[in-house]
N, C-alpha and C. Protein backbone atom coordinates (compact mmCIF):
# COMPACT_ATOMS: atom_id res chain seq x y z
N MET A 1 -19.75 -5.15 5.48
CA MET A 1 -19.10 -6.41 5.25
C MET A 1 -19.21 -7.22 6.51
N ASP A 2 -19.39 -8.51 6.31
CA ASP A 2 -19.40 -9.39 7.48
C ASP A 2 -18.02 -10.00 7.69
N ALA A 3 -17.85 -10.72 8.76
CA ALA A 3 -16.56 -11.27 9.12
C ALA A 3 -15.96 -12.15 8.03
N ARG A 4 -16.76 -12.92 7.37
CA ARG A 4 -16.32 -13.80 6.27
C ARG A 4 -15.77 -13.00 5.12
N GLU A 5 -16.48 -11.92 4.75
CA GLU A 5 -16.04 -11.07 3.66
C GLU A 5 -14.75 -10.32 4.00
N ILE A 6 -14.62 -9.89 5.22
CA ILE A 6 -13.40 -9.20 5.68
C ILE A 6 -12.22 -10.17 5.57
N GLU A 7 -12.39 -11.37 6.11
CA GLU A 7 -11.29 -12.34 6.06
C GLU A 7 -10.92 -12.69 4.64
N ALA A 8 -11.92 -12.83 3.77
CA ALA A 8 -11.62 -13.13 2.36
C ALA A 8 -10.84 -11.97 1.70
N MET A 9 -11.21 -10.73 1.99
CA MET A 9 -10.46 -9.57 1.51
C MET A 9 -9.03 -9.61 1.99
N LEU A 10 -8.87 -9.85 3.29
CA LEU A 10 -7.52 -9.84 3.89
C LEU A 10 -6.67 -10.99 3.37
N GLN A 11 -7.28 -12.14 3.11
CA GLN A 11 -6.56 -13.27 2.53
C GLN A 11 -6.07 -12.90 1.15
N GLU A 12 -6.91 -12.25 0.34
CA GLU A 12 -6.47 -11.84 -0.99
C GLU A 12 -5.42 -10.74 -0.89
N ASP A 13 -5.53 -9.84 0.04
CA ASP A 13 -4.47 -8.88 0.26
C ASP A 13 -3.15 -9.55 0.57
N GLN A 14 -3.19 -10.51 1.49
CA GLN A 14 -1.95 -11.26 1.85
C GLN A 14 -1.37 -12.00 0.68
N SER A 15 -2.18 -12.65 -0.11
CA SER A 15 -1.73 -13.36 -1.28
C SER A 15 -1.07 -12.40 -2.29
N GLN A 16 -1.71 -11.32 -2.60
CA GLN A 16 -1.13 -10.37 -3.56
C GLN A 16 0.14 -9.71 -2.98
N TRP A 17 0.14 -9.39 -1.67
CA TRP A 17 1.29 -8.84 -1.02
C TRP A 17 2.47 -9.81 -1.15
N ASP A 18 2.28 -11.09 -0.83
CA ASP A 18 3.34 -12.04 -0.90
C ASP A 18 3.88 -12.21 -2.31
N ARG A 19 3.04 -12.17 -3.29
CA ARG A 19 3.46 -12.24 -4.71
C ARG A 19 4.30 -11.03 -5.05
N LEU A 20 3.88 -9.85 -4.67
CA LEU A 20 4.60 -8.61 -4.97
C LEU A 20 5.97 -8.63 -4.25
N VAL A 21 6.00 -8.99 -2.98
CA VAL A 21 7.26 -9.02 -2.22
C VAL A 21 8.22 -10.00 -2.87
N ALA A 22 7.75 -11.16 -3.31
CA ALA A 22 8.64 -12.10 -3.99
C ALA A 22 9.23 -11.47 -5.22
N MET A 23 8.46 -10.71 -5.98
CA MET A 23 8.99 -10.08 -7.19
C MET A 23 10.01 -9.00 -6.81
N LEU A 24 9.68 -8.21 -5.81
CA LEU A 24 10.62 -7.16 -5.37
C LEU A 24 11.91 -7.73 -4.84
N GLU A 25 11.82 -8.82 -4.14
CA GLU A 25 13.03 -9.44 -3.58
C GLU A 25 13.89 -10.07 -4.72
N ALA A 26 13.26 -10.51 -5.77
CA ALA A 26 13.99 -11.14 -6.91
C ALA A 26 14.74 -10.06 -7.70
N HIS A 27 14.39 -8.77 -7.61
CA HIS A 27 15.01 -7.71 -8.31
C HIS A 27 15.26 -6.51 -7.39
N PRO A 28 16.12 -6.68 -6.40
CA PRO A 28 16.26 -5.67 -5.35
C PRO A 28 16.86 -4.30 -5.78
N GLU A 29 17.73 -4.27 -6.75
CA GLU A 29 18.45 -3.06 -7.07
C GLU A 29 18.18 -2.48 -8.45
N GLU A 30 17.59 -3.26 -9.30
CA GLU A 30 17.46 -2.80 -10.69
C GLU A 30 16.16 -2.00 -10.87
N SER A 31 16.13 -1.16 -11.93
CA SER A 31 14.93 -0.45 -12.25
C SER A 31 13.90 -1.40 -12.68
N LEU A 32 12.69 -1.29 -12.15
CA LEU A 32 11.63 -2.25 -12.40
C LEU A 32 10.75 -1.90 -13.57
N HIS A 33 10.80 -0.68 -14.02
CA HIS A 33 9.85 -0.18 -15.03
C HIS A 33 10.52 0.05 -16.38
N PRO A 34 9.76 0.25 -17.45
CA PRO A 34 10.33 0.46 -18.75
C PRO A 34 11.29 1.66 -18.73
N PRO A 35 12.28 1.68 -19.69
CA PRO A 35 13.25 2.76 -19.72
C PRO A 35 12.61 4.14 -19.87
N ASP A 36 11.48 4.29 -20.50
CA ASP A 36 10.85 5.57 -20.69
C ASP A 36 10.01 6.04 -19.46
N SER A 37 10.03 5.26 -18.38
CA SER A 37 9.33 5.55 -17.20
C SER A 37 10.30 6.05 -16.12
N PRO A 38 9.78 6.74 -15.09
CA PRO A 38 10.68 7.08 -13.96
C PRO A 38 11.36 5.84 -13.41
N THR A 39 12.60 5.93 -12.96
CA THR A 39 13.27 4.78 -12.36
C THR A 39 12.70 4.54 -10.98
N TRP A 40 12.22 3.29 -10.79
CA TRP A 40 11.75 2.84 -9.50
C TRP A 40 12.41 1.49 -9.24
N THR A 41 13.05 1.39 -8.06
CA THR A 41 13.60 0.17 -7.60
C THR A 41 12.65 -0.44 -6.55
N SER A 42 13.03 -1.62 -6.06
CA SER A 42 12.23 -2.26 -4.99
C SER A 42 12.09 -1.30 -3.81
N ARG A 43 13.16 -0.61 -3.47
CA ARG A 43 13.09 0.33 -2.34
C ARG A 43 11.98 1.34 -2.58
N ASP A 44 11.93 1.87 -3.81
CA ASP A 44 10.92 2.88 -4.14
C ASP A 44 9.50 2.31 -4.04
N VAL A 45 9.31 1.11 -4.48
CA VAL A 45 7.97 0.49 -4.42
C VAL A 45 7.59 0.24 -2.98
N TYR A 46 8.48 -0.27 -2.16
CA TYR A 46 8.20 -0.52 -0.79
C TYR A 46 7.84 0.82 -0.05
N SER A 47 8.62 1.85 -0.27
CA SER A 47 8.36 3.10 0.45
C SER A 47 7.06 3.76 -0.10
N HIS A 48 6.82 3.63 -1.37
CA HIS A 48 5.56 4.08 -1.95
C HIS A 48 4.35 3.44 -1.29
N LEU A 49 4.42 2.09 -1.21
CA LEU A 49 3.33 1.37 -0.62
C LEU A 49 3.16 1.66 0.86
N ALA A 50 4.28 1.82 1.56
CA ALA A 50 4.20 2.15 2.98
C ALA A 50 3.46 3.47 3.17
N ARG A 51 3.82 4.45 2.39
CA ARG A 51 3.16 5.79 2.54
C ARG A 51 1.63 5.70 2.23
N TRP A 52 1.31 5.02 1.13
CA TRP A 52 -0.11 4.94 0.76
C TRP A 52 -0.91 4.13 1.80
N MET A 53 -0.30 3.01 2.30
CA MET A 53 -0.97 2.22 3.32
C MET A 53 -1.17 3.02 4.60
N GLU A 54 -0.14 3.78 5.00
CA GLU A 54 -0.27 4.60 6.22
C GLU A 54 -1.34 5.65 6.03
N LEU A 55 -1.45 6.25 4.87
CA LEU A 55 -2.44 7.24 4.60
C LEU A 55 -3.86 6.64 4.63
N SER A 56 -4.05 5.53 3.92
CA SER A 56 -5.39 4.95 3.88
C SER A 56 -5.81 4.37 5.23
N THR A 57 -4.81 3.87 6.00
CA THR A 57 -5.17 3.39 7.37
C THR A 57 -5.57 4.56 8.24
N ALA A 58 -4.87 5.68 8.12
CA ALA A 58 -5.24 6.89 8.90
C ALA A 58 -6.61 7.39 8.44
N GLN A 59 -6.92 7.30 7.15
CA GLN A 59 -8.22 7.70 6.69
C GLN A 59 -9.31 6.78 7.23
N LEU A 60 -9.09 5.53 7.26
CA LEU A 60 -10.06 4.56 7.84
C LEU A 60 -10.29 4.90 9.29
N GLU A 61 -9.22 5.12 10.06
CA GLU A 61 -9.33 5.36 11.50
C GLU A 61 -10.01 6.73 11.72
N ALA A 62 -9.77 7.72 10.89
CA ALA A 62 -10.41 9.01 11.03
C ALA A 62 -11.89 8.90 10.73
N ARG A 63 -12.25 8.16 9.74
CA ARG A 63 -13.68 7.94 9.46
C ARG A 63 -14.39 7.30 10.61
N LEU A 64 -13.76 6.33 11.19
CA LEU A 64 -14.38 5.65 12.37
C LEU A 64 -14.50 6.59 13.53
N ALA A 65 -13.54 7.50 13.73
CA ALA A 65 -13.55 8.45 14.85
C ALA A 65 -14.39 9.68 14.59
N GLY A 66 -14.84 9.83 13.33
CA GLY A 66 -15.61 11.02 12.96
C GLY A 66 -14.81 12.29 12.88
N THR A 67 -13.48 12.12 12.56
CA THR A 67 -12.63 13.28 12.44
C THR A 67 -12.24 13.46 10.95
N PRO A 68 -11.74 14.63 10.61
CA PRO A 68 -11.31 14.81 9.22
C PRO A 68 -10.23 13.86 8.79
N ALA A 69 -10.37 13.32 7.60
CA ALA A 69 -9.40 12.38 7.08
C ALA A 69 -8.20 13.11 6.52
N PRO A 70 -7.00 12.57 6.80
CA PRO A 70 -5.80 13.22 6.21
C PRO A 70 -5.82 13.02 4.70
N LEU A 71 -5.23 13.96 4.03
CA LEU A 71 -5.17 13.93 2.55
C LEU A 71 -3.75 14.26 2.13
N ALA A 72 -3.35 13.76 0.95
CA ALA A 72 -2.11 14.18 0.33
C ALA A 72 -2.45 15.14 -0.79
N GLU A 73 -1.74 16.17 -0.89
CA GLU A 73 -2.03 17.20 -1.89
C GLU A 73 -1.36 16.86 -3.21
N GLY A 74 -2.09 17.11 -4.33
CA GLY A 74 -1.55 16.92 -5.64
C GLY A 74 -2.21 15.73 -6.31
N THR A 75 -1.80 15.54 -7.56
CA THR A 75 -2.25 14.33 -8.27
C THR A 75 -1.45 13.13 -7.77
N ASP A 76 -1.92 11.93 -8.09
CA ASP A 76 -1.17 10.75 -7.67
C ASP A 76 0.28 10.80 -8.15
N ASP A 77 0.48 11.18 -9.42
CA ASP A 77 1.85 11.31 -9.97
C ASP A 77 2.69 12.28 -9.19
N GLU A 78 2.12 13.44 -8.86
CA GLU A 78 2.85 14.45 -8.12
C GLU A 78 3.19 13.94 -6.71
N ILE A 79 2.23 13.34 -6.11
CA ILE A 79 2.42 12.77 -4.74
C ILE A 79 3.53 11.69 -4.77
N ASN A 80 3.38 10.81 -5.71
CA ASN A 80 4.37 9.70 -5.84
C ASN A 80 5.77 10.24 -6.07
N ALA A 81 5.93 11.25 -6.96
CA ALA A 81 7.25 11.77 -7.25
C ALA A 81 7.79 12.48 -5.99
N ARG A 82 6.97 13.28 -5.31
CA ARG A 82 7.41 13.94 -4.12
C ARG A 82 7.87 12.95 -3.08
N TRP A 83 7.04 11.90 -2.85
CA TRP A 83 7.41 10.93 -1.83
C TRP A 83 8.66 10.12 -2.20
N GLN A 84 8.78 9.78 -3.51
CA GLN A 84 9.95 9.03 -3.94
C GLN A 84 11.21 9.85 -3.65
N GLN A 85 11.17 11.13 -3.98
CA GLN A 85 12.35 12.00 -3.70
C GLN A 85 12.66 12.01 -2.21
N LYS A 86 11.66 12.17 -1.38
CA LYS A 86 11.80 12.28 0.01
C LYS A 86 12.38 10.99 0.61
N ASP A 87 11.93 9.85 0.06
CA ASP A 87 12.31 8.52 0.60
C ASP A 87 13.55 7.95 -0.02
N SER A 88 14.19 8.67 -0.92
CA SER A 88 15.35 8.10 -1.63
C SER A 88 16.56 7.93 -0.68
N ARG A 89 16.50 8.49 0.50
CA ARG A 89 17.56 8.36 1.49
C ARG A 89 17.51 7.02 2.21
N LEU A 90 16.37 6.34 2.11
CA LEU A 90 16.18 5.06 2.80
C LEU A 90 17.00 3.95 2.13
N SER A 91 17.39 3.01 2.90
CA SER A 91 17.97 1.79 2.37
C SER A 91 16.85 0.84 1.97
N LEU A 92 17.17 -0.15 1.18
CA LEU A 92 16.15 -1.15 0.85
C LEU A 92 15.59 -1.82 2.11
N ALA A 93 16.49 -2.17 3.02
CA ALA A 93 16.04 -2.80 4.29
C ALA A 93 15.09 -1.91 5.09
N GLU A 94 15.40 -0.64 5.15
CA GLU A 94 14.52 0.30 5.87
C GLU A 94 13.15 0.38 5.19
N ALA A 95 13.15 0.53 3.88
CA ALA A 95 11.89 0.64 3.15
C ALA A 95 11.07 -0.63 3.27
N ARG A 96 11.72 -1.81 3.16
CA ARG A 96 11.08 -3.05 3.29
C ARG A 96 10.40 -3.21 4.65
N ALA A 97 11.14 -2.88 5.72
CA ALA A 97 10.59 -2.96 7.09
C ALA A 97 9.45 -2.01 7.28
N TRP A 98 9.56 -0.79 6.75
CA TRP A 98 8.45 0.19 6.86
C TRP A 98 7.25 -0.33 6.16
N ALA A 99 7.37 -0.88 4.96
CA ALA A 99 6.22 -1.35 4.22
C ALA A 99 5.59 -2.57 4.94
N GLN A 100 6.38 -3.46 5.47
CA GLN A 100 5.82 -4.60 6.18
C GLN A 100 5.08 -4.14 7.40
N ARG A 101 5.62 -3.19 8.10
CA ARG A 101 4.95 -2.63 9.30
C ARG A 101 3.64 -1.95 8.90
N ALA A 102 3.64 -1.18 7.85
CA ALA A 102 2.41 -0.51 7.39
C ALA A 102 1.36 -1.52 6.94
N PHE A 103 1.81 -2.57 6.28
CA PHE A 103 0.94 -3.65 5.88
C PHE A 103 0.25 -4.29 7.10
N GLU A 104 1.03 -4.66 8.05
CA GLU A 104 0.47 -5.27 9.27
C GLU A 104 -0.44 -4.32 10.04
N GLU A 105 -0.09 -3.08 10.16
CA GLU A 105 -0.90 -2.14 10.83
C GLU A 105 -2.23 -1.91 10.12
N ARG A 106 -2.18 -1.94 8.78
CA ARG A 106 -3.41 -1.82 7.96
C ARG A 106 -4.35 -2.96 8.28
N ILE A 107 -3.82 -4.21 8.27
CA ILE A 107 -4.66 -5.37 8.55
C ILE A 107 -5.24 -5.31 9.98
N GLN A 108 -4.46 -4.88 10.96
CA GLN A 108 -4.98 -4.77 12.31
C GLN A 108 -6.08 -3.74 12.39
N ALA A 109 -5.90 -2.63 11.69
CA ALA A 109 -6.94 -1.56 11.73
C ALA A 109 -8.22 -2.09 11.08
N ILE A 110 -8.15 -2.84 10.01
CA ILE A 110 -9.32 -3.33 9.35
C ILE A 110 -10.00 -4.37 10.23
N ARG A 111 -9.27 -5.24 10.86
CA ARG A 111 -9.85 -6.23 11.76
C ARG A 111 -10.48 -5.61 12.99
N ALA A 112 -10.05 -4.45 13.37
CA ALA A 112 -10.59 -3.72 14.56
C ALA A 112 -11.86 -2.99 14.28
N VAL A 113 -12.28 -2.89 13.05
CA VAL A 113 -13.52 -2.16 12.75
C VAL A 113 -14.69 -2.98 13.28
N PRO A 114 -15.55 -2.34 14.13
CA PRO A 114 -16.72 -3.05 14.61
C PRO A 114 -17.65 -3.41 13.44
N SER A 115 -18.28 -4.57 13.54
CA SER A 115 -19.04 -5.09 12.43
C SER A 115 -20.17 -4.16 12.02
N ASP A 116 -20.74 -3.43 12.96
CA ASP A 116 -21.86 -2.55 12.61
C ASP A 116 -21.41 -1.19 11.99
N ARG A 117 -20.09 -0.99 11.82
CA ARG A 117 -19.62 0.26 11.27
C ARG A 117 -19.32 0.16 9.77
N TRP A 118 -19.34 -1.03 9.19
CA TRP A 118 -19.01 -1.15 7.81
C TRP A 118 -20.09 -0.59 6.95
N ASP A 119 -19.68 0.22 5.98
CA ASP A 119 -20.59 0.74 4.94
C ASP A 119 -19.77 0.81 3.65
N PRO A 120 -20.38 1.13 2.51
CA PRO A 120 -19.62 1.08 1.22
C PRO A 120 -18.42 2.03 1.25
N ARG A 121 -18.55 3.18 1.86
CA ARG A 121 -17.42 4.14 1.86
C ARG A 121 -16.25 3.58 2.70
N LEU A 122 -16.55 3.04 3.84
CA LEU A 122 -15.52 2.49 4.69
C LEU A 122 -14.85 1.28 4.01
N GLU A 123 -15.68 0.45 3.34
CA GLU A 123 -15.10 -0.64 2.59
C GLU A 123 -14.19 -0.23 1.48
N ALA A 124 -14.57 0.83 0.74
CA ALA A 124 -13.71 1.37 -0.29
C ALA A 124 -12.42 1.89 0.27
N THR A 125 -12.40 2.51 1.43
CA THR A 125 -11.20 2.95 2.07
C THR A 125 -10.34 1.78 2.47
N ALA A 126 -10.95 0.74 3.05
CA ALA A 126 -10.21 -0.44 3.45
C ALA A 126 -9.53 -1.15 2.26
N ARG A 127 -10.25 -1.14 1.17
CA ARG A 127 -9.68 -1.85 -0.04
C ARG A 127 -8.71 -0.98 -0.80
N GLY A 128 -8.70 0.34 -0.53
CA GLY A 128 -7.91 1.29 -1.31
C GLY A 128 -6.45 0.95 -1.57
N ASP A 129 -5.76 0.47 -0.57
CA ASP A 129 -4.36 0.15 -0.71
C ASP A 129 -4.11 -1.30 -0.35
N GLY A 130 -4.94 -2.14 -0.96
CA GLY A 130 -4.87 -3.59 -0.69
C GLY A 130 -4.48 -4.37 -1.98
N ALA A 131 -5.15 -5.46 -2.16
CA ALA A 131 -4.77 -6.41 -3.24
C ALA A 131 -4.66 -5.78 -4.61
N GLU A 132 -5.60 -4.96 -4.97
CA GLU A 132 -5.57 -4.37 -6.33
C GLU A 132 -4.31 -3.47 -6.48
N HIS A 133 -3.96 -2.72 -5.48
CA HIS A 133 -2.79 -1.88 -5.53
C HIS A 133 -1.55 -2.72 -5.69
N TYR A 134 -1.42 -3.78 -4.92
CA TYR A 134 -0.25 -4.66 -4.96
C TYR A 134 -0.13 -5.32 -6.35
N ALA A 135 -1.27 -5.84 -6.81
CA ALA A 135 -1.28 -6.52 -8.15
C ALA A 135 -0.91 -5.51 -9.25
N SER A 136 -1.39 -4.29 -9.15
CA SER A 136 -1.06 -3.32 -10.19
C SER A 136 0.46 -3.06 -10.23
N HIS A 137 1.12 -3.06 -9.10
CA HIS A 137 2.54 -2.83 -9.14
C HIS A 137 3.28 -4.08 -9.68
N ARG A 138 2.77 -5.21 -9.55
CA ARG A 138 3.39 -6.40 -10.23
C ARG A 138 3.26 -6.23 -11.73
N GLU A 139 2.15 -5.71 -12.17
CA GLU A 139 1.92 -5.53 -13.60
C GLU A 139 2.89 -4.49 -14.18
N TYR A 140 3.30 -3.53 -13.39
CA TYR A 140 4.21 -2.50 -13.89
C TYR A 140 5.64 -2.97 -14.12
N VAL A 141 5.95 -4.08 -13.42
CA VAL A 141 7.35 -4.57 -13.44
C VAL A 141 7.62 -5.20 -14.83
N THR A 142 8.73 -4.72 -15.42
CA THR A 142 9.07 -5.23 -16.76
C THR A 142 10.39 -6.03 -16.74
N VAL A 143 11.07 -6.17 -15.63
CA VAL A 143 12.28 -6.99 -15.65
C VAL A 143 11.88 -8.43 -15.57
N ALA A 144 12.72 -9.29 -16.11
CA ALA A 144 12.36 -10.72 -16.19
C ALA A 144 12.68 -11.46 -14.91
């Protein structure tokens, strides 16, 4: 990816992030998903995204360093359930701050990639917890 493509990706990430945050802030305490789904509040979404962004950022940095990438064990549903239980002690403010910090660190890590290091695998890692992930969470929200 060249500098223009990276900035376009990051602008889309920021746009989708801002839209998701607005939705989460509009419904801070209520369950966001259908009644037949696990209960997820804004706190749960923020902490979920923080964990995934931290993991994918660590994977990006490991790939650049030539070291083994950290992994989370289990299926996505198992990982998400385990993390949700672990993070249920957080307040909404703590989860929000964590997610914002992880979002900013992710962007900094992507901007720090030397231009000659980009390849399809690194690009996929960089995009992994970006705009599409944020947009998919907006689509899951069923509250008005």
